[in-house]
Amino acid sequence: MTDETRPTEGRTPSDYPEPQGRPDFLPADDSLEVPSPRPEPPASFGTSWGDPSGRSSPGVPPYGGSPPSGPSYGAPSFANPSFSAPVAPESPSYGSSYDNPSYGSSYESPSYGGSYESPSSSYERPSFGGGPDNGTRVYEAPMFGGPPPSGPSGGGTPPPPPRQALPLGAAWAPPPPGAPGSPGPRRVPSTVFLVSIAVAIALLASLLGSVGTYLLTRTNGGNDPSYSLGPLPTSGATNREPGSVAGVAARVLPSVVSIEAGTSTEGATGSGFLIKNGYVVTNNHVVALAAKGGEIRIMFNNRKTTSGRIVGRDPGSDLAVVKPEDTFGTPEITLGNSDQVVVGDPVIAIGSPLGLTGTVTTGIVSSLNRPVIAGDESGTSTEEPAYISAIQTDAAINPGNSGGPLVNGKGEVVGVNSAIATLGRSESSQSGSIGLGFAIPVNQTRRVAEELITTGKAKRPKIGIVLDKDYKGQGVKIASGPSGGRQPVDRNGPADKAGLKAGDVILEIDGLTLQDGNELIALIRSKAPGSKITIKYQRAGQDHTATLIVTAEDEPTPTPS
C-alpha cells in the first residue's frame, strides 16, 4: 500500500513535513548489523551532524551539536525482524562495523556510537505522539525501497529513507531563513556609490597622468652655478666705414642742433644745422614765435645749450637763419648739390623728433619737384604760405624734425626737412610719419641763407604773370584780363619779353609737365634770380616754346630780423 492509503493508526502527523529521501531516527537501543562492508566516509563526516531542515530528532541536537551523555543516546538504528546479517568487523579508521551484501548496511557513528540500517531492511521507529500500542511498529521493507508486503505486521508504508545516508558533519547545509546564525540578505552597492567610485578613479587617474606629464616634460628651474655665455667678443671695433649709415651719422650728428622757441604762453620745437661762421639754418615756422618777442634756446649734440637770435627769415620759402651765442667748438656741416639728386638715392634724416635729440632715420629719395604748400592751414596767420618744390623721401620725419638736415650717402646736406603728409590732423595733436616726408632743396636753401645773412631778406623769384585760378584744363593758363588791379602779363617782365600773352596755356617748364598753378609757383621760387628756364605753351591750339630769365621782385618786402 502506498503512503497515502496506509492507515494512520499509531501515527501522529508531525508539525513539519517529512522530507523525501531522508531517514527517520530511532533511539539507539538496537543495531542491525549487515555483512557487506561499506566504503569508509571522509574523516569530516565522523563528527556530529544534523537535519538540514532545521528540525531535530529525539535525542539528537540540531546542526551537529554535542549529544548528551548517557547510555541511551546514540545514532538511530533500524530493525528488520525478517532479516539478520552477520556483524562486520570494525574499521580501524572509522570505528564502526558494517557489511553490505545487499545494501542493508549498519553504520555506527564514532562520536555517537549508534548504527542505522539501509532502506532495504526493515526498521522500527518510534511513534511521535503515541498510537494504540504506544510502542514500536515493526514492518518489513522490501529491498531498494519497493512496497512492503501486506500483513498484520505492516500497518502502512513509511517514506523510504535515502539509499546511502552518510554523516555530513557540522553545519553541512545552510540554516533556514530566520534561524539563529543564518546570514542576512546580501547587500548590493547602490548606483550612486558605484558612480562615485568611478568618478574618483577617473579623477585620480587624471591627476596621476598630469603629474607624470609634468615630471617628464618639466625643465630644471634650479640655478646652474656653472652656466656662462662666454666672454664678450673683442675682435669687433666701433669704427664703421665712412660710407655706411653709422659712418655718415657719426660725422653729421655733431653739427645738428635742437631748437626751442616761443613765448611764455606758447612754444615750438625743431632742429637745425650749423653752417659756416657759426650760423644755424632752420625752418621759419620753428622760430616764428620768437619773432613776436619770444626767446630761442639752442642745444648742441654735446648737450650744451645757449641762447640765439634771428638773423633773418623768409616765410615764402619757410627758411630762417639763427645766430647762437656760442657754438662750443661744433663743426660746421657740408652742403651738397640738390640738382644732382635722383630718385632712389639713399638719404638720412637727422633731428629731434618729439624732442628726442640726435635721432637718425634712413630712407631713399621717393620723388623730386613735389609741390608742397607749407603754412598755417587755419588761415589765421598773417604770413604768406610757403611754396616748396620739395624732395620727397620715405625716411621717417616727425614733428620736431623740421629744420634738420637730409643728407646723402656722403654726409652732404641735400635738403632741409620741412613737412610731412598725414592721413588726418586735429587742432590738439599732430600725426606722425606715414613715409611721406618733404625737404627743401639745399640749393634753394643756400641762396636764401646767403641773402638772409647778407641783407636780412630773401629775394622773391618771378616771371611776371597772373594765373587764372578757375582754369581746370591741362597745364596752367595765364589770366585773360586784369585781376586785382594787375595786368595778366607784366610789362617788360620775363614772360612779356619771351612773347607770352594773356590767355596762353603753359604746358611745361624745363621738360616737366605742369599739373596746376601751385606747382608752377613752387618751381619758379626754387630758382635763383637770373636762371634761364624753357617754357612750352599753347595758343589757339598751337604749341610754342620760349626761354625765360627768372628775375626777382624790384622791391621785395623785407622780413624783420
Protein backbone atom coordinates (compact mmCIF):
# COMPACT_ATOMS: atom_id res chain seq x y z
CA MET A 1 0.00 0.00 0.00
CA THR A 2 1.10 3.50 -0.61
CA ASP A 3 1.92 6.02 1.95
CA GLU A 4 -1.36 7.83 1.27
CA THR A 5 -3.64 4.72 1.74
CA ARG A 6 -1.79 3.39 4.71
CA PRO A 7 -3.79 3.58 7.94
CA THR A 8 -2.77 6.37 10.20
CA GLU A 9 -3.36 4.35 13.26
CA GLY A 10 -0.49 4.65 15.61
CA ARG A 11 0.92 7.67 13.70
CA THR A 12 0.60 11.27 14.61
CA PRO A 13 1.35 13.88 11.97
CA SER A 14 4.43 15.92 12.67
CA ASP A 15 4.48 19.71 12.73
CA TYR A 16 6.90 19.59 9.90
CA PRO A 17 6.51 17.58 6.72
CA GLU A 18 8.89 14.71 6.37
CA PRO A 19 11.41 15.40 3.67
CA GLN A 20 11.72 12.90 0.95
CA GLY A 21 14.90 10.86 0.76
CA ARG A 22 15.90 11.25 4.43
CA PRO A 23 15.87 8.50 7.16
CA ASP A 24 13.80 8.58 10.29
CA PHE A 25 15.73 8.27 13.51
CA LEU A 26 15.12 5.93 16.46
CA PRO A 27 16.81 5.63 19.80
CA ALA A 28 19.91 3.53 19.54
CA ASP A 29 18.54 0.60 21.57
CA ASP A 30 19.25 -1.99 18.95
CA SER A 31 21.51 -2.05 15.94
CA LEU A 32 21.24 -4.13 12.87
CA GLU A 33 24.46 -5.41 11.53
CA VAL A 34 24.83 -6.11 7.86
CA PRO A 35 27.52 -8.33 6.40
CA SER A 36 28.52 -6.17 3.49
CA PRO A 37 31.27 -3.62 4.10
CA ARG A 38 30.79 -0.01 3.06
CA PRO A 39 33.31 2.44 1.79
CA GLU A 40 34.85 4.49 4.50
CA PRO A 41 33.44 8.04 4.55
CA PRO A 42 35.65 11.09 4.82
CA ALA A 43 37.00 11.98 8.18
CA SER A 44 34.91 15.15 8.18
CA PHE A 45 31.80 13.01 8.36
CA GLY A 46 32.88 11.25 11.51
CA THR A 47 31.79 14.01 13.88
CA SER A 48 28.36 15.40 14.60
CA TRP A 49 25.67 16.09 12.00
CA GLY A 50 22.10 17.36 11.93
CA ASP A 51 18.94 17.82 9.96
CA PRO A 52 19.20 20.46 7.21
CA SER A 53 15.52 21.28 7.56
CA GLY A 54 16.11 22.75 10.96
CA ARG A 55 14.17 20.23 12.96
CA SER A 56 15.70 17.90 15.49
CA SER A 57 15.20 14.20 16.10
CA PRO A 58 14.57 12.88 19.57
CA GLY A 59 17.76 12.88 21.47
CA VAL A 60 19.82 14.38 18.65
CA PRO A 61 20.83 18.03 18.91
CA PRO A 62 20.29 20.09 15.71
CA TYR A 63 23.18 21.31 13.49
CA GLY A 64 25.79 18.92 14.80
CA GLY A 65 25.72 19.89 18.47
CA SER A 66 27.31 17.61 21.10
CA PRO A 67 24.98 14.79 22.24
CA PRO A 68 24.05 14.44 25.85
CA SER A 69 25.96 11.89 27.86
CA GLY A 70 24.37 8.59 28.78
CA PRO A 71 23.99 5.07 27.51
CA SER A 72 20.60 5.78 25.95
CA TYR A 73 21.90 8.27 23.38
CA GLY A 74 23.32 7.23 20.09
CA ALA A 75 22.75 7.18 16.41
CA PRO A 76 19.37 5.86 15.32
CA SER A 77 19.04 2.19 14.49
CA PHE A 78 16.68 0.46 12.16
CA ALA A 79 15.45 -3.12 12.92
CA ASN A 80 14.26 -5.68 10.46
CA PRO A 81 12.72 -8.72 12.12
CA SER A 82 12.74 -10.73 8.94
CA PHE A 83 16.37 -10.22 8.12
CA SER A 84 19.50 -10.82 10.05
CA ALA A 85 23.03 -10.21 8.95
CA PRO A 86 26.35 -11.01 10.50
CA VAL A 87 28.27 -8.30 12.22
CA ALA A 88 31.01 -6.69 10.14
CA PRO A 89 34.41 -6.19 11.65
CA GLU A 90 35.21 -2.73 12.94
CA SER A 91 37.00 -0.36 10.70
CA PRO A 92 40.28 0.63 12.26
CA SER A 93 39.96 4.19 10.99
CA TYR A 94 36.26 4.82 11.34
CA GLY A 95 35.26 2.85 14.40
CA SER A 96 32.13 1.09 13.03
CA SER A 97 31.41 -2.38 11.61
CA TYR A 98 29.36 -2.82 8.54
CA ASP A 99 28.81 -5.44 5.88
CA ASN A 100 26.58 -4.72 2.98
CA PRO A 101 25.98 -7.57 0.60
CA SER A 102 22.50 -6.26 -0.14
CA TYR A 103 22.88 -2.57 0.64
CA GLY A 104 21.43 -3.10 4.08
CA SER A 105 24.40 -1.80 6.00
CA SER A 106 24.61 -0.94 9.63
CA TYR A 107 26.54 2.15 10.47
CA GLU A 108 27.89 3.12 13.81
CA SER A 109 28.97 6.72 14.34
CA PRO A 110 32.35 7.02 16.05
CA SER A 111 31.06 10.01 18.01
CA TYR A 112 27.59 8.78 18.71
CA GLY A 113 28.12 5.00 18.94
CA GLY A 114 24.93 4.16 17.10
CA SER A 115 24.10 2.33 13.89
CA TYR A 116 21.46 2.55 11.22
CA GLU A 117 20.13 0.32 8.54
CA SER A 118 19.81 1.00 4.84
CA PRO A 119 16.37 1.39 3.19
CA SER A 120 16.35 -2.24 2.06
CA SER A 121 15.98 -3.52 5.60
CA SER A 122 13.04 -3.41 7.93
CA TYR A 123 13.22 -0.98 10.79
CA GLU A 124 11.25 0.16 13.70
CA ARG A 125 10.62 3.76 14.57
CA PRO A 126 9.07 5.41 17.50
CA SER A 127 5.65 6.81 17.19
CA PHE A 128 5.67 10.50 17.80
CA GLY A 129 2.64 11.38 19.74
CA GLY A 130 1.66 7.72 20.52
CA GLY A 131 -0.63 5.23 18.78
CA PRO A 132 -2.88 2.50 20.16
CA ASP A 133 0.01 0.47 21.42
CA ASN A 134 2.24 3.48 22.15
CA GLY A 135 5.12 1.35 21.17
CA THR A 136 7.24 0.35 18.31
CA ARG A 137 5.83 -0.52 14.94
CA VAL A 138 7.77 -3.15 13.08
CA TYR A 139 7.34 -3.63 9.42
CA GLU A 140 9.25 -5.24 6.69
CA ALA A 141 10.61 -3.04 3.95
CA PRO A 142 11.47 -4.56 0.60
CA MET A 143 14.85 -4.22 -0.98
CA PHE A 144 15.60 -0.96 -2.82
CA GLY A 145 12.57 0.86 -1.49
CA GLY A 146 9.77 -1.31 -3.01
CA PRO A 147 6.31 -1.53 -1.43
CA PRO A 148 6.23 -3.57 1.78
CA PRO A 149 4.19 -6.75 1.91
CA SER A 150 0.75 -6.53 3.40
CA GLY A 151 0.04 -8.34 6.61
CA PRO A 152 -0.86 -7.90 10.17
CA SER A 153 2.56 -6.59 10.98
CA GLY A 154 2.60 -3.87 8.42
CA GLY A 155 0.28 -1.08 9.18
CA GLY A 156 1.47 1.14 6.32
CA THR A 157 4.41 2.13 4.17
CA PRO A 158 6.58 4.89 5.58
CA PRO A 159 8.52 7.15 3.25
CA PRO A 160 11.68 5.36 2.21
CA PRO A 161 14.89 6.65 3.73
CA PRO A 162 17.83 7.57 1.45
CA ARG A 163 19.77 4.74 -0.03
CA GLN A 164 23.02 5.86 1.41
CA ALA A 165 22.89 8.20 4.34
CA LEU A 166 26.26 9.43 5.44
CA PRO A 167 27.03 11.84 8.22
CA LEU A 168 27.86 15.22 6.63
CA GLY A 169 29.45 16.99 9.57
CA ALA A 170 28.59 20.12 11.44
CA ALA A 171 26.65 22.81 9.59
CA TRP A 172 26.77 20.91 6.33
CA ALA A 173 23.79 22.83 4.97
CA PRO A 174 22.75 26.50 5.48
CA PRO A 175 20.12 27.05 8.17
CA PRO A 176 16.71 28.16 7.00
CA PRO A 177 15.98 31.88 6.83
CA GLY A 178 15.28 33.34 10.21
CA ALA A 179 17.08 30.62 12.10
CA PRO A 180 19.76 31.62 14.58
CA GLY A 181 23.08 32.08 12.82
CA SER A 182 21.57 32.45 9.37
CA PRO A 183 23.18 35.24 7.25
CA GLY A 184 21.15 38.32 6.42
CA PRO A 185 20.17 39.36 2.88
CA ARG A 186 23.07 40.24 0.67
CA ARG A 187 23.53 43.99 0.23
CA VAL A 188 24.18 45.22 -3.32
CA PRO A 189 26.08 48.58 -3.71
CA SER A 190 23.84 51.38 -4.92
CA THR A 191 24.23 53.05 -8.34
CA VAL A 192 25.26 56.35 -6.73
CA PHE A 193 28.01 54.60 -4.81
CA LEU A 194 29.32 52.86 -7.94
CA VAL A 195 29.23 56.13 -9.94
CA SER A 196 31.08 57.94 -7.15
CA ILE A 197 33.77 55.27 -7.12
CA ALA A 198 34.13 55.52 -10.93
CA VAL A 199 34.42 59.33 -10.80
CA ALA A 200 37.00 59.14 -8.03
CA ILE A 201 39.04 56.64 -10.03
CA ALA A 202 38.85 58.84 -13.14
CA LEU A 203 39.96 61.94 -11.21
CA LEU A 204 42.80 60.06 -9.61
CA ALA A 205 43.93 58.71 -12.99
CA SER A 206 43.80 62.22 -14.49
CA LEU A 207 45.80 63.64 -11.61
CA LEU A 208 48.41 60.93 -11.86
CA GLY A 209 48.63 61.46 -15.63
CA SER A 210 49.12 65.21 -15.20
CA VAL A 211 51.78 64.70 -12.59
CA GLY A 212 53.54 62.20 -14.81
CA THR A 213 53.43 64.55 -17.79
CA TYR A 214 54.80 67.39 -15.69
CA LEU A 215 57.62 65.25 -14.34
CA LEU A 216 58.55 64.10 -17.83
CA THR A 217 58.39 67.50 -19.53
CA ARG A 218 59.43 69.95 -16.85
CA THR A 219 62.60 71.89 -17.20
CA ASN A 220 65.05 72.23 -14.44
CA GLY A 221 64.16 75.51 -12.76
CA GLY A 222 67.14 75.45 -10.48
CA ASN A 223 70.16 77.63 -10.83
CA ASP A 224 73.20 76.36 -12.65
CA PRO A 225 76.31 77.78 -11.00
CA SER A 226 78.48 76.69 -13.92
CA TYR A 227 76.36 78.39 -16.62
CA SER A 228 78.11 81.04 -18.73
CA LEU A 229 77.52 82.76 -22.05
CA GLY A 230 81.21 83.08 -22.64
CA PRO A 231 83.41 86.16 -22.84
CA LEU A 232 82.50 89.25 -24.81
CA PRO A 233 83.86 89.33 -28.36
CA THR A 234 86.91 91.53 -28.62
CA SER A 235 87.52 91.38 -32.35
CA GLY A 236 84.85 93.96 -33.25
CA ALA A 237 85.52 97.69 -33.23
CA THR A 238 83.22 100.70 -33.02
CA ASN A 239 84.69 102.27 -36.14
CA ARG A 240 82.48 101.99 -39.21
CA GLU A 241 83.01 102.52 -42.90
CA PRO A 242 82.68 106.21 -43.85
CA GLY A 243 80.01 105.44 -46.41
CA SER A 244 77.83 103.40 -44.02
CA VAL A 245 74.87 104.91 -42.22
CA ALA A 246 76.74 104.70 -38.94
CA GLY A 247 79.79 106.37 -40.50
CA VAL A 248 77.68 109.18 -42.01
CA ALA A 249 75.74 109.68 -38.79
CA ALA A 250 78.95 109.89 -36.78
CA ARG A 251 80.19 112.75 -38.99
CA VAL A 252 76.89 114.66 -39.24
CA LEU A 253 75.43 114.39 -35.73
CA PRO A 254 77.84 116.87 -34.07
CA SER A 255 76.66 119.63 -36.45
CA VAL A 256 72.91 119.11 -35.76
CA VAL A 257 71.21 121.16 -33.04
CA SER A 258 67.85 121.16 -31.26
CA ILE A 259 65.91 124.44 -31.12
CA GLU A 260 63.20 125.60 -28.72
CA ALA A 261 61.44 128.88 -29.46
CA GLY A 262 58.39 130.57 -28.06
CA THR A 263 56.83 132.94 -25.60
CA SER A 264 55.56 132.48 -22.06
CA THR A 265 52.26 131.13 -23.37
CA GLU A 266 53.22 129.04 -26.40
CA GLY A 267 56.25 127.44 -27.97
CA ALA A 268 57.65 125.28 -30.71
CA THR A 269 60.50 122.83 -31.11
CA GLY A 270 62.55 121.85 -34.11
CA SER A 271 66.01 121.14 -35.41
CA GLY A 272 68.75 122.92 -37.32
CA PHE A 273 72.31 122.51 -38.51
CA LEU A 274 75.43 124.60 -38.19
CA ILE A 275 76.90 126.24 -41.31
CA LYS A 276 79.89 128.48 -41.95
CA ASN A 277 80.75 131.15 -39.37
CA GLY A 278 78.53 129.62 -36.70
CA TYR A 279 75.12 130.27 -38.24
CA VAL A 280 72.27 127.84 -37.81
CA VAL A 281 69.82 127.13 -40.63
CA THR A 282 66.29 126.05 -39.72
CA ASN A 283 62.66 126.45 -40.80
CA ASN A 284 60.80 129.69 -40.48
CA HIS A 285 57.86 128.07 -38.69
CA VAL A 286 60.23 126.82 -35.97
CA VAL A 287 61.32 130.28 -34.88
CA ALA A 288 58.26 132.33 -35.94
CA LEU A 289 57.06 132.66 -32.31
CA ALA A 290 60.39 134.12 -31.25
CA ALA A 291 59.91 136.89 -33.83
CA LYS A 292 56.93 138.05 -31.76
CA GLY A 293 59.00 138.73 -28.70
CA GLY A 294 59.89 135.22 -27.67
CA GLU A 295 63.21 133.53 -26.94
CA ILE A 296 65.33 130.94 -28.66
CA ARG A 297 67.31 128.18 -26.90
CA ILE A 298 69.77 126.07 -28.88
CA MET A 299 71.12 122.75 -27.59
CA PHE A 300 74.08 121.13 -29.34
CA ASN A 301 74.84 117.44 -29.70
CA ASN A 302 77.17 117.59 -26.69
CA ARG A 303 74.13 118.62 -24.55
CA LYS A 304 75.42 122.15 -24.10
CA THR A 305 72.84 124.89 -24.56
CA THR A 306 72.92 128.55 -25.41
CA SER A 307 70.53 131.30 -26.48
CA GLY A 308 70.20 132.55 -30.05
CA ARG A 309 68.76 135.36 -32.14
CA ILE A 310 67.05 135.51 -35.52
CA VAL A 311 69.30 136.76 -38.35
CA GLY A 312 66.60 136.62 -40.99
CA ARG A 313 63.64 134.53 -42.09
CA ASP A 314 61.66 134.03 -45.29
CA PRO A 315 58.07 132.81 -44.91
CA GLY A 316 57.78 132.34 -48.71
CA SER A 317 60.43 129.59 -48.65
CA ASP A 318 59.92 128.57 -44.97
CA LEU A 319 63.61 129.18 -44.21
CA ALA A 320 65.33 131.11 -41.43
CA VAL A 321 68.86 131.73 -40.09
CA VAL A 322 69.65 131.91 -36.36
CA LYS A 323 72.87 133.02 -34.68
CA PRO A 324 73.75 131.22 -31.41
CA GLU A 325 75.72 132.99 -28.68
CA ASP A 326 78.25 130.16 -28.54
CA THR A 327 78.92 127.12 -30.68
CA PHE A 328 81.19 125.24 -28.21
CA GLY A 329 83.55 124.25 -30.98
CA THR A 330 80.84 122.49 -33.00
CA PRO A 331 82.00 121.69 -36.56
CA GLU A 332 80.02 123.07 -39.50
CA ILE A 333 78.15 120.74 -41.80
CA THR A 334 78.92 120.15 -45.50
CA LEU A 335 76.38 121.34 -48.09
CA GLY A 336 75.76 119.31 -51.24
CA ASN A 337 74.10 119.94 -54.62
CA SER A 338 70.39 119.12 -54.82
CA ASP A 339 70.46 119.27 -58.62
CA GLN A 340 72.50 116.03 -58.57
CA VAL A 341 69.92 114.12 -56.51
CA VAL A 342 68.00 111.44 -58.35
CA VAL A 343 65.09 109.28 -57.32
CA GLY A 344 66.27 106.21 -55.42
CA ASP A 345 69.33 107.78 -53.80
CA PRO A 346 69.77 106.72 -50.16
CA VAL A 347 69.27 109.56 -47.69
CA ILE A 348 69.46 110.02 -43.91
CA ALA A 349 67.24 112.31 -41.86
CA ILE A 350 68.67 113.64 -38.60
CA GLY A 351 66.91 115.76 -36.00
CA SER A 352 64.97 115.86 -32.73
CA PRO A 353 61.55 114.37 -33.37
CA LEU A 354 59.25 114.90 -30.38
CA GLY A 355 62.22 116.37 -28.51
CA LEU A 356 64.36 113.24 -28.90
CA THR A 357 67.67 114.80 -29.86
CA GLY A 358 70.11 113.10 -32.17
CA THR A 359 67.58 110.80 -33.86
CA VAL A 360 68.73 109.19 -37.13
CA THR A 361 66.38 107.65 -39.70
CA THR A 362 67.12 106.39 -43.19
CA GLY A 363 65.28 106.07 -46.48
CA ILE A 364 65.54 106.93 -50.14
CA VAL A 365 64.54 109.77 -52.39
CA SER A 366 61.00 108.92 -53.42
CA SER A 367 60.35 111.81 -55.81
CA LEU A 368 61.63 115.20 -56.90
CA ASN A 369 59.95 118.56 -57.54
CA ARG A 370 56.94 117.63 -55.43
CA PRO A 371 54.87 120.81 -54.97
CA VAL A 372 54.13 121.42 -51.29
CA ILE A 373 52.38 124.35 -49.66
CA ALA A 374 53.54 124.79 -46.08
CA GLY A 375 51.91 127.28 -43.76
CA ASP A 376 49.07 127.84 -41.36
CA GLU A 377 46.14 125.85 -42.71
CA SER A 378 43.72 127.51 -40.30
CA GLY A 379 44.09 130.79 -42.22
CA THR A 380 44.69 132.85 -39.07
CA SER A 381 48.35 133.57 -39.81
CA THR A 382 49.25 136.91 -41.33
CA GLU A 383 52.26 135.40 -43.08
CA GLU A 384 52.09 134.15 -46.62
CA PRO A 385 52.24 130.40 -47.25
CA ALA A 386 55.44 128.76 -48.42
CA TYR A 387 55.52 127.17 -51.86
CA ILE A 388 58.12 124.41 -51.96
CA SER A 389 59.25 122.26 -54.86
CA ALA A 390 60.32 119.56 -52.44
CA ILE A 391 62.40 116.41 -52.37
CA GLN A 392 60.11 113.58 -51.27
CA THR A 393 61.57 110.86 -49.04
CA ASP A 394 60.34 107.86 -47.10
CA ALA A 395 62.82 108.44 -44.30
CA ALA A 396 60.82 108.94 -41.11
CA ILE A 397 60.21 112.65 -40.48
CA ASN A 398 58.11 113.57 -37.45
CA PRO A 399 57.21 116.76 -35.62
CA GLY A 400 60.50 118.05 -34.24
CA ASN A 401 62.47 117.05 -37.34
CA SER A 402 61.63 120.38 -39.02
CA GLY A 403 64.77 122.33 -39.91
CA GLY A 404 67.05 119.29 -39.63
CA PRO A 405 69.29 118.15 -42.49
CA LEU A 406 68.53 115.48 -45.07
CA VAL A 407 71.95 114.15 -46.13
CA ASN A 408 73.14 111.83 -48.87
CA GLY A 409 75.47 108.86 -48.58
CA LYS A 410 78.47 111.17 -48.40
CA GLY A 411 77.12 113.10 -45.47
CA GLU A 412 76.35 116.19 -47.56
CA VAL A 413 73.18 118.16 -46.97
CA VAL A 414 70.80 117.87 -49.93
CA GLY A 415 67.65 119.20 -48.26
CA VAL A 416 66.05 120.75 -45.19
CA ASN A 417 63.28 118.64 -43.66
CA SER A 418 60.16 120.82 -43.59
CA ALA A 419 56.85 118.99 -43.96
CA ILE A 420 55.13 115.64 -43.79
CA ALA A 421 51.92 114.30 -45.29
CA THR A 422 49.38 112.86 -42.85
CA LEU A 423 46.10 110.99 -43.09
CA GLY A 424 44.39 113.19 -40.55
CA ARG A 425 45.06 116.07 -38.25
CA SER A 426 43.35 117.77 -35.33
CA GLU A 427 43.96 121.07 -33.62
CA SER A 428 45.14 119.40 -30.41
CA SER A 429 47.53 116.86 -31.87
CA GLN A 430 49.78 116.09 -34.79
CA SER A 431 50.13 112.88 -36.68
CA GLY A 432 53.38 111.06 -37.17
CA SER A 433 55.23 109.84 -40.21
CA ILE A 434 53.50 107.71 -42.79
CA GLY A 435 56.53 107.56 -45.05
CA LEU A 436 55.83 110.82 -46.88
CA GLY A 437 58.35 113.47 -45.88
CA PHE A 438 59.37 116.60 -47.79
CA ALA A 439 62.57 118.63 -47.76
CA ILE A 440 63.52 121.99 -49.25
CA PRO A 441 66.29 121.50 -51.84
CA VAL A 442 69.65 122.59 -50.45
CA ASN A 443 70.41 124.76 -53.49
CA GLN A 444 67.40 126.93 -52.68
CA THR A 445 68.40 126.87 -49.00
CA ARG A 446 71.91 128.02 -49.80
CA ARG A 447 70.68 131.00 -51.78
CA VAL A 448 68.07 132.07 -49.22
CA ALA A 449 70.52 131.68 -46.32
CA GLU A 450 73.11 133.85 -48.04
CA GLU A 451 70.53 136.54 -48.75
CA LEU A 452 69.23 136.50 -45.20
CA ILE A 453 72.72 136.72 -43.72
CA THR A 454 73.87 139.47 -46.07
CA THR A 455 70.74 141.59 -46.39
CA GLY A 456 68.33 140.23 -43.78
CA LYS A 457 65.84 139.49 -46.52
CA ALA A 458 65.38 137.00 -49.36
CA LYS A 459 64.66 137.80 -52.99
CA ARG A 460 61.41 136.55 -54.47
CA PRO A 461 61.91 134.99 -57.98
CA LYS A 462 59.21 135.69 -60.56
CA ILE A 463 58.37 135.54 -64.31
CA GLY A 464 55.75 138.36 -64.27
CA ILE A 465 52.35 136.73 -64.96
CA VAL A 466 48.95 136.37 -63.21
CA LEU A 467 47.32 132.94 -63.26
CA ASP A 468 43.68 132.07 -63.95
CA LYS A 469 42.60 130.27 -60.74
CA ASP A 470 39.40 128.99 -62.28
CA TYR A 471 41.08 127.11 -65.11
CA LYS A 472 40.62 123.31 -64.86
CA GLY A 473 42.23 122.12 -68.07
CA GLN A 474 45.66 120.76 -68.84
CA GLY A 475 48.60 122.94 -67.79
CA VAL A 476 48.40 126.46 -66.31
CA LYS A 477 46.52 129.28 -68.02
CA ILE A 478 47.51 132.95 -67.90
CA ALA A 479 44.59 135.13 -66.89
CA SER A 480 42.62 136.63 -69.78
CA GLY A 481 42.13 140.01 -68.12
CA PRO A 482 43.27 142.20 -65.24
CA SER A 483 42.95 140.74 -61.75
CA GLY A 484 43.17 142.78 -58.55
CA GLY A 485 44.37 145.86 -60.41
CA ARG A 486 47.16 143.94 -62.04
CA GLN A 487 47.59 143.05 -65.74
CA PRO A 488 47.83 139.36 -66.77
CA VAL A 489 51.39 139.86 -68.08
CA ASP A 490 53.79 142.38 -66.50
CA ARG A 491 55.08 144.88 -69.00
CA ASN A 492 58.77 144.21 -69.76
CA GLY A 493 58.74 141.26 -67.43
CA PRO A 494 60.35 137.86 -68.23
CA ALA A 495 57.10 136.47 -69.72
CA ASP A 496 56.41 139.59 -71.78
CA LYS A 497 59.94 139.54 -73.18
CA ALA A 498 59.53 135.84 -74.12
CA GLY A 499 56.36 136.64 -76.11
CA LEU A 500 53.69 135.20 -73.78
CA LYS A 501 50.25 136.82 -73.90
CA ALA A 502 47.07 136.74 -71.81
CA GLY A 503 45.14 133.51 -72.27
CA ASP A 504 48.16 131.41 -73.19
CA VAL A 505 48.36 127.96 -71.56
CA ILE A 506 51.78 126.94 -70.15
CA LEU A 507 52.23 123.19 -70.53
CA GLU A 508 55.84 122.51 -69.44
CA ILE A 509 58.81 124.08 -67.64
CA ASP A 510 62.23 122.56 -68.35
CA GLY A 511 60.50 119.46 -69.69
CA LEU A 512 58.35 118.96 -66.56
CA THR A 513 54.62 118.79 -67.34
CA LEU A 514 52.67 121.09 -65.08
CA GLN A 515 49.64 119.86 -63.18
CA ASP A 516 48.42 123.07 -61.58
CA GLY A 517 49.38 126.63 -60.69
CA ASN A 518 50.85 125.71 -57.28
CA GLU A 519 53.43 123.56 -58.99
CA LEU A 520 54.38 126.44 -61.31
CA ILE A 521 54.82 128.84 -58.37
CA ALA A 522 56.92 126.31 -56.39
CA LEU A 523 59.18 125.67 -59.37
CA ILE A 524 59.77 129.38 -60.04
CA ARG A 525 60.56 130.12 -56.37
CA SER A 526 63.07 127.33 -56.27
CA LYS A 527 65.09 129.06 -58.98
CA ALA A 528 67.68 131.69 -58.34
CA PRO A 529 67.20 135.09 -59.95
CA GLY A 530 68.95 135.20 -63.33
CA SER A 531 68.30 131.49 -64.02
CA LYS A 532 67.07 130.53 -67.50
CA ILE A 533 64.07 128.25 -67.95
CA THR A 534 62.41 126.81 -71.05
CA ILE A 535 58.65 127.03 -71.35
CA LYS A 536 56.32 125.14 -73.66
CA TYR A 537 52.94 126.83 -74.06
CA GLN A 538 49.85 126.61 -76.25
CA ARG A 539 47.99 129.41 -78.05
CA ALA A 540 44.91 128.91 -80.26
CA GLY A 541 45.59 125.18 -80.31
CA GLN A 542 49.18 125.59 -81.43
CA ASP A 543 52.20 124.63 -79.29
CA HIS A 544 55.04 127.11 -78.87
CA THR A 545 58.34 127.20 -76.97
CA ALA A 546 60.03 130.14 -75.24
CA THR A 547 63.04 130.79 -72.97
CA LEU A 548 62.66 132.94 -69.87
CA ILE A 549 65.16 134.51 -67.45
CA VAL A 550 63.93 134.46 -63.88
CA THR A 551 64.07 137.80 -62.11
CA ALA A 552 63.36 138.98 -58.58
CA GLU A 553 60.89 141.48 -57.32
CA ASP A 554 62.10 145.05 -57.63
CA GLU A 555 61.40 145.94 -54.03
CA PRO A 556 60.58 142.84 -52.03
CA THR A 557 59.06 143.38 -48.64
CA PRO A 558 61.89 142.99 -46.13
CA THR A 559 61.45 140.45 -43.34
CA PRO A 560 62.34 141.92 -39.94
CA SER A 561 65.13 140.20 -38.13
